[in-house]
C-alpha atoms as a PDB file:
ATOM      1  CA  UNK A   1       7.847 -12.391  -0.201  1.00  0.00           C
ATOM      2  CA  UNK A   2       4.719 -10.961   1.384  1.00  0.00           C
ATOM      3  CA  UNK A   3       3.952 -14.453   2.682  1.00  0.00           C
ATOM      4  CA  UNK A   4       7.323 -14.797   4.427  1.00  0.00           C
ATOM      5  CA  UNK A   5       7.477 -11.238   5.757  1.00  0.00           C
ATOM      6  CA  UNK A   6       5.344 -11.827   8.891  1.00  0.00           C
ATOM      7  CA  UNK A   7       7.517 -14.837   9.786  1.00  0.00           C
ATOM      8  CA  UNK A   8      10.649 -12.718   9.460  1.00  0.00           C
ATOM      9  CA  UNK A   9       9.071  -9.967  11.583  1.00  0.00           C
ATOM     10  CA  UNK A  10       8.215 -12.500  14.283  1.00  0.00           C
ATOM     11  CA  UNK A  11      11.794 -13.750  14.297  1.00  0.00           C
ATOM     12  CA  UNK A  12      13.086 -10.172  14.603  1.00  0.00           C
ATOM     13  CA  UNK A  13      10.679  -9.006  17.310  1.00  0.00           C
ATOM     14  CA  UNK A  14      10.437 -12.086  19.518  1.00  0.00           C
ATOM     15  CA  UNK A  15      13.177 -13.481  21.741  1.00  0.00           C
ATOM     16  CA  UNK A  16      11.680 -16.984  21.810  1.00  0.00           C
ATOM     17  CA  UNK A  17      13.388 -19.670  19.745  1.00  0.00           C
ATOM     18  CA  UNK A  18      11.730 -20.933  16.572  1.00  0.00           C
ATOM     19  CA  UNK A  19      11.179 -24.480  17.831  1.00  0.00           C
ATOM     20  CA  UNK A  20       9.614 -23.218  21.070  1.00  0.00           C
ATOM     21  CA  UNK A  21       6.510 -22.363  19.064  1.00  0.00           C
ATOM     22  CA  UNK A  22       6.059 -26.100  18.478  1.00  0.00           C
ATOM     23  CA  UNK A  23       7.166 -27.407  21.874  1.00  0.00           C
ATOM     24  CA  UNK A  24       5.490 -24.772  24.092  1.00  0.00           C
ATOM     25  CA  UNK A  25       3.026 -22.887  21.875  1.00  0.00           C
ATOM     26  CA  UNK A  26       0.885 -21.245  24.567  1.00  0.00           C
ATOM     27  CA  UNK A  27       3.712 -19.511  26.389  1.00  0.00           C
ATOM     28  CA  UNK A  28       5.524 -18.677  23.136  1.00  0.00           C
ATOM     29  CA  UNK A  29       2.506 -16.910  21.653  1.00  0.00           C
ATOM     30  CA  UNK A  30       1.899 -15.080  24.940  1.00  0.00           C
ATOM     31  CA  UNK A  31       5.465 -13.750  24.836  1.00  0.00           C
ATOM     32  CA  UNK A  32       5.015 -12.836  21.164  1.00  0.00           C
ATOM     33  CA  UNK A  33       1.826 -10.914  21.884  1.00  0.00           C
ATOM     34  CA  UNK A  34       3.500  -9.072  24.767  1.00  0.00           C
ATOM     35  CA  UNK A  35       6.466  -8.177  22.549  1.00  0.00           C
ATOM     36  CA  UNK A  36       4.212  -6.958  19.715  1.00  0.00           C
ATOM     37  CA  UNK A  37       2.162  -4.802  22.070  1.00  0.00           C
ATOM     38  CA  UNK A  38       5.300  -3.227  23.525  1.00  0.00           C
ATOM     39  CA  UNK A  39       6.569  -2.008  20.134  1.00  0.00           C
ATOM     40  CA  UNK A  40       6.886   1.737  19.660  1.00  0.00           C
ATOM     41  CA  UNK A  41       5.080   3.635  16.924  1.00  0.00           C
ATOM     42  CA  UNK A  42       8.262   4.072  14.895  1.00  0.00           C
ATOM     43  CA  UNK A  43       8.941   0.319  14.979  1.00  0.00           C
ATOM     44  CA  UNK A  44       5.416  -0.455  13.821  1.00  0.00           C
ATOM     45  CA  UNK A  45       5.753   2.150  11.073  1.00  0.00           C
ATOM     46  CA  UNK A  46       9.009   0.653   9.784  1.00  0.00           C
ATOM     47  CA  UNK A  47       7.741  -2.933   9.879  1.00  0.00           C
ATOM     48  CA  UNK A  48       4.423  -2.090   8.214  1.00  0.00           C
ATOM     49  CA  UNK A  49       6.194  -0.038   5.539  1.00  0.00           C
ATOM     50  CA  UNK A  50       8.355  -3.043   4.745  1.00  0.00           C
ATOM     51  CA  UNK A  51       5.252  -5.204   4.392  1.00  0.00           C
ATOM     52  CA  UNK A  52       3.556  -2.703   2.095  1.00  0.00           C
ATOM     53  CA  UNK A  53       6.756  -2.455   0.057  1.00  0.00           C
ATOM     54  CA  UNK A  54       6.892  -6.237  -0.352  1.00  0.00           C
ATOM     55  CA  UNK A  55       3.293  -6.294  -1.600  1.00  0.00           C
ATOM     56  CA  UNK A  56       3.860  -3.402  -4.031  1.00  0.00           C
ATOM     57  CA  UNK A  57       7.066  -5.010  -5.334  1.00  0.00           C
ATOM     58  CA  UNK A  58       5.166  -8.221  -6.084  1.00  0.00           C
ATOM     59  CA  UNK A  59       2.453  -6.327  -7.934  1.00  0.00           C
ATOM     60  CA  UNK A  60       5.000  -4.351  -9.978  1.00  0.00           C
ATOM     61  CA  UNK A  61       6.924  -7.500 -10.954  1.00  0.00           C
ATOM     62  CA  UNK A  62       3.694  -9.157 -12.118  1.00  0.00           C
ATOM     63  CA  UNK A  63       2.759  -6.072 -14.131  1.00  0.00           C
ATOM     64  CA  UNK A  64       6.193  -5.983 -15.791  1.00  0.00           C
ATOM     65  CA  UNK A  65       6.025  -9.686 -16.669  1.00  0.00           C
ATOM     66  CA  UNK A  66       2.603  -9.208 -18.261  1.00  0.00           C
ATOM     67  CA  UNK A  67       4.040  -6.415 -20.381  1.00  0.00           C
ATOM     68  CA  UNK A  68       6.875  -8.603 -21.629  1.00  0.00           C
ATOM     69  CA  UNK A  69       9.769  -7.697 -19.376  1.00  0.00           C
ATOM     70  CA  UNK A  70      11.839 -10.595 -18.062  1.00  0.00           C
ATOM     71  CA  UNK A  71      13.167 -10.490 -14.544  1.00  0.00           C
ATOM     72  CA  UNK A  72      16.604 -11.962 -13.961  1.00  0.00           C
END
């Protein structure tokens, strides 16, 4: 999930369509950078906390599997 999280954040933050990144990449990434820079501290805190939580959840699941617990 930590791999997909930045993609999901980009889809949440940016107003550009997904396929515009392939058809007009320069302008799409410029809009993305402008949108990321304009985020407030609270937004950055929430999004980064979600990313850290996804990483910690992956580590915990691996630790539980090593110790014999089965997930789902």
